[in-house]
């Protein structure tokens, strides 16, 4: 997995965390679809 979780000290903390969560959910969804198609 890519390392994305650096400690955030800027004012975009919530935005950055939301983007990280969105990427994680996207990856989980893709993995789920891959598992279902086998």
PDB file of N, CA and C in Angstrom:
ATOM      1  N   UNK A   1       0.819  -1.213   0.000  1.00  0.00           N
ATOM      2  CA  UNK A   1       0.000   0.000   0.000  1.00  0.00           C
ATOM      3  C   UNK A   1       0.853   1.264   0.000  1.00  0.00           C
ATOM      4  N   UNK A   2       0.358   2.264  -0.682  1.00  0.00           N
ATOM      5  CA  UNK A   2       1.080   3.537  -0.701  1.00  0.00           C
ATOM      6  C   UNK A   2       1.017   4.183   0.675  1.00  0.00           C
ATOM      7  N   UNK A   3       2.122   4.819   1.084  1.00  0.00           N
ATOM      8  CA  UNK A   3       2.132   5.538   2.354  1.00  0.00           C
ATOM      9  C   UNK A   3       1.591   6.946   2.118  1.00  0.00           C
ATOM     10  N   UNK A   4       0.404   7.229   2.651  1.00  0.00           N
ATOM     11  CA  UNK A   4      -0.192   8.549   2.459  1.00  0.00           C
ATOM     12  C   UNK A   4      -0.395   9.267   3.779  1.00  0.00           C
ATOM     13  N   UNK A   5      -0.194   8.560   4.888  1.00  0.00           N
ATOM     14  CA  UNK A   5      -0.607   9.134   6.167  1.00  0.00           C
ATOM     15  C   UNK A   5       0.526   9.867   6.867  1.00  0.00           C
ATOM     16  N   UNK A   6       1.008  10.943   6.245  1.00  0.00           N
ATOM     17  CA  UNK A   6       1.938  11.800   6.962  1.00  0.00           C
ATOM     18  C   UNK A   6       1.134  12.616   7.973  1.00  0.00           C
ATOM     19  N   UNK A   7       1.793  13.076   9.013  1.00  0.00           N
ATOM     20  CA  UNK A   7       1.086  13.913   9.984  1.00  0.00           C
ATOM     21  C   UNK A   7       0.793  15.265   9.354  1.00  0.00           C
ATOM     22  N   UNK A   8      -0.464  15.680   9.427  1.00  0.00           N
ATOM     23  CA  UNK A   8      -0.874  16.927   8.801  1.00  0.00           C
ATOM     24  C   UNK A   8      -0.898  18.035   9.844  1.00  0.00           C
ATOM     25  N   UNK A   9      -0.202  19.121   9.555  1.00  0.00           N
ATOM     26  CA  UNK A   9      -0.202  20.240  10.494  1.00  0.00           C
ATOM     27  C   UNK A   9      -0.769  21.493   9.848  1.00  0.00           C
ATOM     28  N   UNK A  10      -1.290  21.385   8.645  1.00  0.00           N
ATOM     29  CA  UNK A  10      -1.793  22.581   7.968  1.00  0.00           C
ATOM     30  C   UNK A  10      -3.294  22.741   8.196  1.00  0.00           C
ATOM     31  N   UNK A  11      -3.866  23.784   7.626  1.00  0.00           N
ATOM     32  CA  UNK A  11      -5.283  24.071   7.832  1.00  0.00           C
ATOM     33  C   UNK A  11      -6.186  23.183   6.991  1.00  0.00           C
ATOM     34  N   UNK A  12      -5.581  22.395   6.103  1.00  0.00           N
ATOM     35  CA  UNK A  12      -6.385  21.525   5.244  1.00  0.00           C
ATOM     36  C   UNK A  12      -6.485  20.124   5.811  1.00  0.00           C
ATOM     37  N   UNK A  13      -6.320  20.019   7.116  1.00  0.00           N
ATOM     38  CA  UNK A  13      -6.293  18.712   7.758  1.00  0.00           C
ATOM     39  C   UNK A  13      -7.535  17.894   7.437  1.00  0.00           C
ATOM     40  N   UNK A  14      -8.715  18.489   7.621  1.00  0.00           N
ATOM     41  CA  UNK A  14      -9.942  17.743   7.387  1.00  0.00           C
ATOM     42  C   UNK A  14     -10.084  17.360   5.923  1.00  0.00           C
ATOM     43  N   UNK A  15      -9.722  18.278   5.038  1.00  0.00           N
ATOM     44  CA  UNK A  15      -9.815  17.980   3.612  1.00  0.00           C
ATOM     45  C   UNK A  15      -8.875  16.850   3.243  1.00  0.00           C
ATOM     46  N   UNK A  16      -7.644  16.892   3.758  1.00  0.00           N
ATOM     47  CA  UNK A  16      -6.674  15.841   3.455  1.00  0.00           C
ATOM     48  C   UNK A  16      -7.170  14.501   3.972  1.00  0.00           C
ATOM     49  N   UNK A  17      -7.687  14.491   5.205  1.00  0.00           N
ATOM     50  CA  UNK A  17      -8.162  13.237   5.767  1.00  0.00           C
ATOM     51  C   UNK A  17      -9.326  12.685   4.980  1.00  0.00           C
ATOM     52  N   UNK A  18     -10.214  13.561   4.522  1.00  0.00           N
ATOM     53  CA  UNK A  18     -11.347  13.111   3.721  1.00  0.00           C
ATOM     54  C   UNK A  18     -10.860  12.496   2.417  1.00  0.00           C
ATOM     55  N   UNK A  19      -9.847  13.099   1.802  1.00  0.00           N
ATOM     56  CA  UNK A  19      -9.307  12.547   0.562  1.00  0.00           C
ATOM     57  C   UNK A  19      -8.686  11.186   0.811  1.00  0.00           C
ATOM     58  N   UNK A  20      -8.001  11.035   1.934  1.00  0.00           N
ATOM     59  CA  UNK A  20      -7.403   9.736   2.262  1.00  0.00           C
ATOM     60  C   UNK A  20      -8.487   8.685   2.442  1.00  0.00           C
ATOM     61  N   UNK A  21      -9.540   9.046   3.162  1.00  0.00           N
ATOM     62  CA  UNK A  21     -10.640   8.110   3.372  1.00  0.00           C
ATOM     63  C   UNK A  21     -11.272   7.727   2.041  1.00  0.00           C
ATOM     64  N   UNK A  22     -11.466   8.697   1.166  1.00  0.00           N
ATOM     65  CA  UNK A  22     -12.069   8.420  -0.138  1.00  0.00           C
ATOM     66  C   UNK A  22     -11.191   7.454  -0.933  1.00  0.00           C
ATOM     67  N   UNK A  23      -9.879   7.658  -0.882  1.00  0.00           N
ATOM     68  CA  UNK A  23      -8.985   6.741  -1.597  1.00  0.00           C
ATOM     69  C   UNK A  23      -9.079   5.341  -1.010  1.00  0.00           C
ATOM     70  N   UNK A  24      -9.111   5.244   0.324  1.00  0.00           N
ATOM     71  CA  UNK A  24      -9.216   3.936   0.959  1.00  0.00           C
ATOM     72  C   UNK A  24     -10.506   3.243   0.557  1.00  0.00           C
ATOM     73  N   UNK A  25     -11.621   3.974   0.596  1.00  0.00           N
ATOM     74  CA  UNK A  25     -12.903   3.376   0.243  1.00  0.00           C
ATOM     75  C   UNK A  25     -12.919   2.935  -1.215  1.00  0.00           C
ATOM     76  N   UNK A  26     -12.296   3.735  -2.079  1.00  0.00           N
ATOM     77  CA  UNK A  26     -12.232   3.363  -3.490  1.00  0.00           C
ATOM     78  C   UNK A  26     -11.447   2.069  -3.658  1.00  0.00           C
ATOM     79  N   UNK A  27     -10.316   1.968  -2.950  1.00  0.00           N
ATOM     80  CA  UNK A  27      -9.501   0.765  -3.061  1.00  0.00           C
ATOM     81  C   UNK A  27     -10.251  -0.450  -2.525  1.00  0.00           C
ATOM     82  N   UNK A  28     -10.967  -0.261  -1.415  1.00  0.00           N
ATOM     83  CA  UNK A  28     -11.747  -1.366  -0.846  1.00  0.00           C
ATOM     84  C   UNK A  28     -12.823  -1.802  -1.837  1.00  0.00           C
ATOM     85  N   UNK A  29     -13.487  -0.834  -2.455  1.00  0.00           N
ATOM     86  CA  UNK A  29     -14.537  -1.163  -3.410  1.00  0.00           C
ATOM     87  C   UNK A  29     -13.961  -1.927  -4.597  1.00  0.00           C
ATOM     88  N   UNK A  30     -12.813  -1.482  -5.086  1.00  0.00           N
ATOM     89  CA  UNK A  30     -12.199  -2.170  -6.218  1.00  0.00           C
ATOM     90  C   UNK A  30     -11.802  -3.589  -5.825  1.00  0.00           C
ATOM     91  N   UNK A  31     -11.253  -3.756  -4.625  1.00  0.00           N
ATOM     92  CA  UNK A  31     -10.874  -5.087  -4.168  1.00  0.00           C
ATOM     93  C   UNK A  31     -12.096  -5.984  -4.038  1.00  0.00           C
ATOM     94  N   UNK A  32     -13.210  -5.418  -3.575  1.00  0.00           N
ATOM     95  CA  UNK A  32     -14.437  -6.190  -3.426  1.00  0.00           C
ATOM     96  C   UNK A  32     -14.948  -6.632  -4.789  1.00  0.00           C
ATOM     97  N   UNK A  33     -14.913  -5.734  -5.751  1.00  0.00           N
ATOM     98  CA  UNK A  33     -15.375  -6.089  -7.088  1.00  0.00           C
ATOM     99  C   UNK A  33     -14.468  -7.169  -7.689  1.00  0.00           C
ATOM    100  N   UNK A  34     -13.155  -7.050  -7.477  1.00  0.00           N
ATOM    101  CA  UNK A  34     -12.231  -8.054  -7.993  1.00  0.00           C
ATOM    102  C   UNK A  34     -12.521  -9.410  -7.376  1.00  0.00           C
ATOM    103  N   UNK A  35     -12.789  -9.444  -6.080  1.00  0.00           N
ATOM    104  CA  UNK A  35     -13.055 -10.707  -5.405  1.00  0.00           C
ATOM    105  C   UNK A  35     -14.351 -11.331  -5.928  1.00  0.00           C
ATOM    106  N   UNK A  36     -15.335 -10.495  -6.176  1.00  0.00           N
ATOM    107  CA  UNK A  36     -16.623 -11.010  -6.619  1.00  0.00           C
ATOM    108  C   UNK A  36     -16.588 -11.548  -8.038  1.00  0.00           C
ATOM    109  N   UNK A  37     -15.636 -11.092  -8.842  1.00  0.00           N
ATOM    110  CA  UNK A  37     -15.615 -11.497 -10.241  1.00  0.00           C
ATOM    111  C   UNK A  37     -14.816 -12.781 -10.455  1.00  0.00           C
ATOM    112  N   UNK A  38     -14.191 -13.274  -9.399  1.00  0.00           N
ATOM    113  CA  UNK A  38     -13.431 -14.519  -9.548  1.00  0.00           C
ATOM    114  C   UNK A  38     -14.322 -15.729  -9.368  1.00  0.00           C
TER     115      UNK A  38
END
